[in-house]
Amino acid sequence: MQNKVFPMSSEGNDTNLRFPDFIIAGAMKCGTTSLHNILSTHPKIFIPDREIHFFDIDDLSQHPDFFMYSNGAWYYPNLENDFEKYLNWYGAFFSSKDGTYVIGEDSTTYLASQKAPERIRRLIPNVKIIIMLRDPATRTYSHYWHLLRTGRATYSFEDSLTLMAGNLIQRSLYKKQIQNYLNYFDRENIYFIIFEDFIQNIQRVVDEVCKFLNVSTNSIDIRQTKTHYNPTRLPRYPNLQIFRNRIMKISTHPTYFSHLVDIPDDGEFNNKRLLRVLDKLHQKINPHNEENPPSMNPATRNFLNEYFFRENYGLDNLINRDTNSYWYFE
C-alpha cells in the first residue's frame, strides 16, 4: 500500500471555513471541562459543547473506541482518504460565529497524541494552546475511575496499571508530550495551568487566560459562575462494575458514531438488544453516584510518585512552573 502524505494545510481550503483561535489540549482529568465551561460564559468566547478530536481522530493509541470491527471488516476514521469531509465537518462546529468571537475547542487527548501537534501547526500555525496539568499519580487514578464508570476498565486499578498501562500511564508523561508541542510551537503560544494552582485561585487563572486570549478580563466573575463541572461519579459496587465491563466488552459497543464517516447500517452495531436490556438492569442495581473515589493504596501512590518524578524530571524547566510544590507528596 502506498504511503500517503497527510494533506493538511490551511492553504487552499474553503475560505468560508473558520478554525479555532485557541485549543485546550488537555490533559485529561485536569480541569479542562471546568475551564471550558467557565470560558464559555464570556460574551466573546465560543467553544463547542463537545470534544471534537479532529487532529488525532485516527490515532489508535488515543481512540481505540473509534476503530470498530464487525462482520469481518474494520470501520475507522481515515483522514487521508476522507480529508475534505472531515475538514468540512470540523469547520462546521465554528461556522455559527463571526469574526468578532474568539473561538476555541478542547480535546483532552491532543496533549498525549503524537499526531496532534504537527497537524495543528500545519492547519492553524498561529493558534494558541492551553495545557492543564495535574499531579500525575492523582490524574492517573482519576482516569482509572473514569474508565471504570464508562465501561472500559475491566480490572482493579493495580492490575490495570500493568495490563493497560499504555493508556493510563502514558497520559501522565507530560514532559515528552510538552516537548513534542514545543517542537512545533513557540513557548509564547502555549499557556500552562497547574490544576492545583487553578483550584486555589480560579479567578486569577481565568483572568490570566483571558489576557492570553486577548479578550476582556472583567466579563467573567467566578462568584457568579459555576466552577465545578464533570464531577466524579462512581458505581456503588466497583467489583460488579468490573464484571459488567468484562461482559459488555464481548460485543462491539460504539459510542462515537458521530466521529466516523460512512459507517455501514448493517445492524451489527445497533441490534444488541439483550445486552442493552442487561445494561439497563445493571444500572438499576449498581447506580453511579457523585462521590470521591476511595483513597489510593499508599504503596501504589508511592510507586507512581517515584515513577512519574523520574519520567517527568525536567518538566519544570520546560513550562517555567514549580510542580514540585504541588506534586509527588501527600
Protein backbone atom coordinates (compact mmCIF):
# COMPACT_ATOMS: atom_id res chain seq x y z
CA MET A 1 0.00 0.00 0.00
CA GLN A 2 1.38 3.39 -0.97
CA ASN A 3 2.13 5.71 1.94
CA LYS A 4 0.19 8.93 1.50
CA VAL A 5 1.21 12.36 2.71
CA PHE A 6 -1.37 13.78 5.07
CA PRO A 7 -2.94 16.65 3.06
CA MET A 8 -3.49 19.06 5.93
CA SER A 9 -2.73 22.69 5.19
CA SER A 10 -4.51 25.99 5.74
CA GLU A 11 -3.74 26.89 2.11
CA GLY A 12 -6.32 26.01 -0.49
CA ASN A 13 -9.10 25.23 1.99
CA ASP A 14 -12.60 26.62 1.74
CA THR A 15 -12.22 30.29 2.65
CA ASN A 16 -15.58 30.17 4.42
CA LEU A 17 -14.32 27.71 7.00
CA ARG A 18 -13.22 29.05 10.37
CA PHE A 19 -10.82 27.25 12.65
CA PRO A 20 -10.08 27.77 16.34
CA ASP A 21 -8.14 30.71 17.71
CA PHE A 22 -7.23 28.56 20.71
CA ILE A 23 -7.24 24.90 21.73
CA ILE A 24 -7.43 23.42 25.23
CA ALA A 25 -5.25 20.40 24.56
CA GLY A 26 -5.55 18.52 27.85
CA ALA A 27 -4.51 16.71 29.90
CA MET A 28 -7.45 14.51 30.76
CA LYS A 29 -8.90 14.79 34.31
CA CYS A 30 -7.03 18.05 34.91
CA GLY A 31 -9.91 20.53 34.99
CA THR A 32 -10.31 21.09 31.25
CA THR A 33 -14.09 20.69 31.38
CA SER A 34 -14.36 23.29 34.15
CA LEU A 35 -12.14 25.74 32.26
CA HIS A 36 -14.14 25.13 29.07
CA ASN A 37 -17.43 25.92 30.76
CA ILE A 38 -16.09 28.95 32.62
CA LEU A 39 -14.63 30.46 29.44
CA SER A 40 -17.89 29.76 27.61
CA THR A 41 -19.63 32.30 29.86
CA HIS A 42 -17.52 35.07 28.30
CA PRO A 43 -19.68 37.01 25.81
CA LYS A 44 -16.95 36.96 23.15
CA ILE A 45 -15.70 33.40 23.50
CA PHE A 46 -17.29 30.43 21.75
CA ILE A 47 -16.39 26.77 22.36
CA PRO A 48 -18.47 23.86 21.00
CA ASP A 49 -20.07 21.82 23.76
CA ARG A 50 -18.35 18.56 22.90
CA GLU A 51 -14.80 17.35 22.43
CA ILE A 52 -14.12 17.05 18.70
CA HIS A 53 -10.81 15.14 18.46
CA PHE A 54 -10.24 16.22 14.85
CA PHE A 55 -6.45 16.35 14.94
CA ASP A 56 -5.99 12.87 16.42
CA ILE A 57 -9.17 11.22 15.24
CA ASP A 58 -7.26 8.38 13.55
CA ASP A 59 -4.77 7.89 16.40
CA LEU A 60 -5.46 4.34 17.56
CA SER A 61 -3.39 4.80 20.71
CA GLN A 62 -5.73 7.59 21.88
CA HIS A 63 -9.05 6.47 20.42
CA PRO A 64 -9.41 2.69 20.29
CA ASP A 65 -13.18 3.18 20.52
CA PHE A 66 -13.12 4.87 17.09
CA PHE A 67 -11.87 1.63 15.49
CA MET A 68 -14.64 -0.93 15.10
CA TYR A 69 -14.63 -4.49 13.81
CA SER A 70 -17.84 -6.03 12.51
CA ASN A 71 -18.66 -9.00 10.24
CA GLY A 72 -15.07 -9.45 9.16
CA ALA A 73 -14.49 -5.78 8.29
CA TRP A 74 -12.91 -2.76 10.00
CA TYR A 75 -14.54 0.67 10.24
CA TYR A 76 -12.37 3.56 11.36
CA PRO A 77 -11.54 7.21 10.67
CA ASN A 78 -9.24 7.80 7.71
CA LEU A 79 -8.28 11.45 7.35
CA GLU A 80 -6.09 10.78 4.33
CA ASN A 81 -8.95 9.31 2.29
CA ASP A 82 -11.74 11.49 3.72
CA PHE A 83 -9.84 14.69 4.42
CA GLU A 84 -12.29 17.12 2.79
CA LYS A 85 -15.26 15.51 4.53
CA TYR A 86 -13.59 15.70 7.91
CA LEU A 87 -12.31 19.23 7.33
CA ASN A 88 -15.80 20.48 6.47
CA TRP A 89 -17.18 18.55 9.44
CA TYR A 90 -14.61 20.23 11.69
CA GLY A 91 -15.21 23.72 10.32
CA ALA A 92 -18.97 23.34 10.77
CA PHE A 93 -18.51 23.39 14.55
CA PHE A 94 -17.42 27.05 14.36
CA SER A 95 -19.44 28.36 11.41
CA SER A 96 -22.14 29.98 13.54
CA LYS A 97 -19.83 32.69 14.90
CA ASP A 98 -18.44 35.68 13.04
CA GLY A 99 -15.00 37.23 13.34
CA THR A 100 -15.88 39.20 16.46
CA TYR A 101 -15.74 35.98 18.51
CA VAL A 102 -12.66 34.22 19.78
CA ILE A 103 -13.38 30.57 19.08
CA GLY A 104 -11.81 27.52 20.63
CA GLU A 105 -12.13 23.81 21.17
CA ASP A 106 -10.96 21.33 23.77
CA SER A 107 -9.90 17.75 23.20
CA THR A 108 -8.18 16.14 26.15
CA THR A 109 -6.32 13.59 24.01
CA TYR A 110 -4.39 16.17 21.96
CA LEU A 111 -1.63 16.51 24.54
CA ALA A 112 -0.80 12.80 24.58
CA SER A 113 -1.24 12.25 20.85
CA GLN A 114 1.89 12.03 18.74
CA LYS A 115 -0.10 13.12 15.70
CA ALA A 116 -1.91 16.20 17.00
CA PRO A 117 0.77 18.93 17.47
CA GLU A 118 2.24 18.68 13.98
CA ARG A 119 -1.22 18.62 12.39
CA ILE A 120 -2.41 21.59 14.43
CA ARG A 121 0.67 23.51 13.37
CA ARG A 122 0.03 22.83 9.69
CA LEU A 123 -3.64 23.80 9.71
CA ILE A 124 -3.63 26.72 12.17
CA PRO A 125 0.00 27.70 12.83
CA ASN A 126 -0.82 30.77 14.94
CA VAL A 127 -3.31 29.05 17.23
CA LYS A 128 -2.90 29.46 20.99
CA ILE A 129 -2.60 26.31 23.06
CA ILE A 130 -3.77 25.91 26.67
CA ILE A 131 -2.41 22.91 28.57
CA MET A 132 -3.63 21.91 32.04
CA LEU A 133 -1.54 19.57 34.19
CA ARG A 134 -2.26 17.82 37.48
CA ASP A 135 -0.33 15.69 39.94
CA PRO A 136 0.30 12.71 37.63
CA ALA A 137 -0.44 9.98 40.18
CA THR A 138 -3.77 11.59 41.09
CA ARG A 139 -4.58 12.20 37.44
CA THR A 140 -3.89 8.55 36.64
CA TYR A 141 -6.12 7.37 39.50
CA SER A 142 -8.95 9.69 38.46
CA HIS A 143 -8.55 8.48 34.88
CA TYR A 144 -8.98 4.89 36.05
CA TRP A 145 -12.29 5.64 37.75
CA HIS A 146 -13.46 7.39 34.60
CA LEU A 147 -12.61 4.29 32.56
CA LEU A 148 -14.38 2.08 35.09
CA ARG A 149 -17.54 4.18 35.06
CA THR A 150 -17.64 4.35 31.26
CA GLY A 151 -17.23 0.62 30.78
CA ARG A 152 -13.61 0.44 29.64
CA ALA A 153 -11.74 -0.72 32.75
CA THR A 154 -12.03 -4.45 33.34
CA TYR A 155 -9.51 -4.87 36.16
CA SER A 156 -8.64 -3.32 39.50
CA PHE A 157 -6.50 -0.18 39.47
CA GLU A 158 -3.29 -2.03 40.29
CA ASP A 159 -3.92 -4.70 37.66
CA SER A 160 -4.85 -2.03 35.13
CA LEU A 161 -1.51 -0.31 35.65
CA THR A 162 0.24 -3.43 34.40
CA LEU A 163 -2.31 -4.71 31.87
CA MET A 164 -3.40 -1.41 30.27
CA ALA A 165 -0.62 0.95 31.30
CA GLY A 166 -0.30 2.30 27.77
CA ASN A 167 -3.38 4.44 28.27
CA LEU A 168 -3.35 5.18 31.99
CA ILE A 169 0.37 5.83 32.42
CA GLN A 170 1.02 7.42 29.06
CA ARG A 171 -1.44 10.26 29.64
CA SER A 172 0.67 11.40 32.63
CA LEU A 173 4.04 11.50 30.86
CA TYR A 174 3.83 15.26 30.50
CA LYS A 175 7.47 16.08 29.75
CA LYS A 176 7.64 14.11 26.50
CA GLN A 177 4.23 15.39 25.41
CA ILE A 178 5.04 19.05 26.06
CA GLN A 179 8.42 18.74 24.39
CA ASN A 180 6.55 17.50 21.32
CA TYR A 181 4.41 20.66 21.32
CA LEU A 182 7.44 22.89 21.81
CA ASN A 183 8.94 21.32 18.72
CA TYR A 184 6.13 22.93 16.71
CA PHE A 185 5.01 25.99 18.68
CA ASP A 186 6.81 28.92 20.27
CA ARG A 187 6.69 28.99 24.04
CA GLU A 188 4.69 32.25 23.84
CA ASN A 189 1.86 30.42 22.06
CA ILE A 190 1.33 27.96 24.91
CA TYR A 191 -0.21 28.77 28.29
CA PHE A 192 0.33 26.22 31.07
CA ILE A 193 -2.02 25.80 34.02
CA ILE A 194 -1.29 23.68 37.07
CA PHE A 195 -4.59 22.21 38.26
CA GLU A 196 -3.71 22.56 41.94
CA ASP A 197 -2.98 26.26 41.40
CA PHE A 198 -6.18 26.65 39.37
CA ILE A 199 -8.46 25.36 42.13
CA GLN A 200 -6.77 27.58 44.71
CA ASN A 201 -7.43 30.79 42.79
CA ILE A 202 -9.77 30.24 39.86
CA GLN A 203 -10.44 33.93 39.25
CA ARG A 204 -6.77 34.80 38.89
CA VAL A 205 -6.10 31.92 36.50
CA VAL A 206 -9.18 32.70 34.40
CA ASP A 207 -8.16 36.35 34.16
CA GLU A 208 -4.70 35.31 33.01
CA VAL A 209 -6.20 33.01 30.39
CA CYS A 210 -8.40 35.84 29.11
CA LYS A 211 -5.31 38.05 28.77
CA PHE A 212 -3.58 35.25 26.89
CA LEU A 213 -6.57 35.09 24.52
CA ASN A 214 -6.77 38.89 24.17
CA VAL A 215 -10.32 39.16 25.48
CA SER A 216 -11.61 41.34 28.30
CA THR A 217 -10.82 40.14 31.81
CA ASN A 218 -13.82 41.74 33.50
CA SER A 219 -16.50 39.65 31.77
CA ILE A 220 -16.23 36.54 33.95
CA ASP A 221 -16.97 36.81 37.66
CA ILE A 222 -16.22 33.49 39.33
CA ARG A 223 -18.50 34.41 42.23
CA GLN A 224 -21.45 34.27 39.83
CA THR A 225 -20.26 31.32 37.76
CA LYS A 226 -20.40 27.60 38.39
CA THR A 227 -16.81 26.40 38.62
CA HIS A 228 -17.03 22.63 39.16
CA TYR A 229 -18.08 20.61 36.14
CA ASN A 230 -17.86 16.91 35.30
CA PRO A 231 -17.81 15.71 38.93
CA THR A 232 -16.65 12.20 39.68
CA ARG A 233 -19.43 9.60 39.60
CA LEU A 234 -18.65 6.18 41.00
CA PRO A 235 -20.52 2.87 40.78
CA ARG A 236 -21.97 1.74 44.09
CA TYR A 237 -20.29 -1.66 43.68
CA PRO A 238 -16.97 -1.30 41.81
CA ASN A 239 -16.36 -5.06 41.52
CA LEU A 240 -19.79 -5.55 39.98
CA GLN A 241 -18.97 -2.76 37.53
CA ILE A 242 -15.76 -4.57 36.56
CA PHE A 243 -17.77 -7.75 35.92
CA ARG A 244 -20.27 -5.79 33.82
CA ASN A 245 -17.48 -4.20 31.80
CA ARG A 246 -15.95 -7.59 31.01
CA ILE A 247 -19.28 -8.94 29.78
CA MET A 248 -20.00 -5.89 27.65
CA LYS A 249 -16.50 -5.98 26.16
CA ILE A 250 -17.51 -9.17 24.37
CA SER A 251 -19.54 -7.07 21.96
CA THR A 252 -18.65 -4.00 19.97
CA HIS A 253 -20.19 -1.05 21.73
CA PRO A 254 -19.64 2.06 19.56
CA THR A 255 -20.04 5.30 21.47
CA TYR A 256 -18.66 7.67 18.88
CA PHE A 257 -20.60 7.22 15.63
CA SER A 258 -20.55 10.99 15.03
CA HIS A 259 -16.76 10.86 14.69
CA LEU A 260 -16.84 8.39 11.81
CA VAL A 261 -17.63 8.86 8.14
CA ASP A 262 -19.85 6.39 6.26
CA ILE A 263 -20.45 3.82 8.99
CA PRO A 264 -22.49 0.96 7.41
CA ASP A 265 -26.06 0.47 8.57
CA ASP A 266 -25.87 -3.31 8.72
CA GLY A 267 -27.50 -3.58 12.12
CA GLU A 268 -24.42 -5.19 13.66
CA PHE A 269 -23.67 -2.20 15.88
CA ASN A 270 -27.22 -1.45 16.94
CA ASN A 271 -29.01 -4.77 17.41
CA LYS A 272 -27.51 -5.74 20.74
CA ARG A 273 -30.92 -5.68 22.38
CA LEU A 274 -30.23 -8.28 25.04
CA LEU A 275 -27.02 -6.53 26.07
CA ARG A 276 -28.81 -3.21 26.29
CA VAL A 277 -31.51 -4.72 28.48
CA LEU A 278 -28.91 -6.28 30.74
CA ASP A 279 -27.04 -2.99 30.94
CA LYS A 280 -30.15 -1.10 31.99
CA LEU A 281 -30.76 -3.70 34.68
CA HIS A 282 -27.18 -3.30 35.85
CA GLN A 283 -27.61 0.47 36.09
CA LYS A 284 -30.56 -0.01 38.45
CA ILE A 285 -28.67 -2.46 40.65
CA ASN A 286 -25.39 -0.56 40.56
CA PRO A 287 -26.15 3.16 40.14
CA HIS A 288 -23.41 5.75 39.73
CA ASN A 289 -23.35 8.35 42.48
CA GLU A 290 -21.44 11.61 42.77
CA GLU A 291 -18.71 10.96 45.33
CA ASN A 292 -14.96 10.86 45.72
CA PRO A 293 -13.11 7.61 45.00
CA PRO A 294 -11.58 5.68 47.88
CA SER A 295 -8.04 6.60 48.85
CA MET A 296 -5.34 5.14 46.67
CA ASN A 297 -3.32 2.29 48.10
CA PRO A 298 -0.29 4.02 49.73
CA ALA A 299 2.16 1.56 48.17
CA THR A 300 0.69 2.26 44.73
CA ARG A 301 0.86 6.02 45.24
CA ASN A 302 4.48 5.78 46.33
CA PHE A 303 5.28 3.72 43.24
CA LEU A 304 3.53 6.20 40.93
CA ASN A 305 5.13 9.21 42.61
CA GLU A 306 8.59 7.75 42.15
CA TYR A 307 7.89 6.68 38.57
CA PHE A 308 6.42 9.98 37.41
CA PHE A 309 9.02 12.06 39.25
CA ARG A 310 11.69 10.22 37.29
CA GLU A 311 9.88 10.25 33.93
CA ASN A 312 8.83 13.92 34.15
CA TYR A 313 12.14 15.19 35.51
CA GLY A 314 12.96 18.49 33.82
CA LEU A 315 9.31 19.41 33.21
CA ASP A 316 9.56 22.50 35.43
CA ASN A 317 12.20 24.00 33.16
CA LEU A 318 10.04 23.39 30.09
CA ILE A 319 6.93 25.08 31.46
CA ASN A 320 8.53 27.54 33.87
CA ARG A 321 6.43 26.27 36.77
CA ASP A 322 7.34 24.73 40.14
CA THR A 323 5.38 21.48 40.07
CA ASN A 324 7.28 20.00 43.00
CA SER A 325 5.39 22.39 45.28
CA TYR A 326 2.19 20.53 44.39
CA TRP A 327 3.08 17.03 43.22
CA TYR A 328 4.71 13.80 44.33
CA PHE A 329 4.00 14.33 48.03
CA GLU A 330 0.88 13.88 50.15
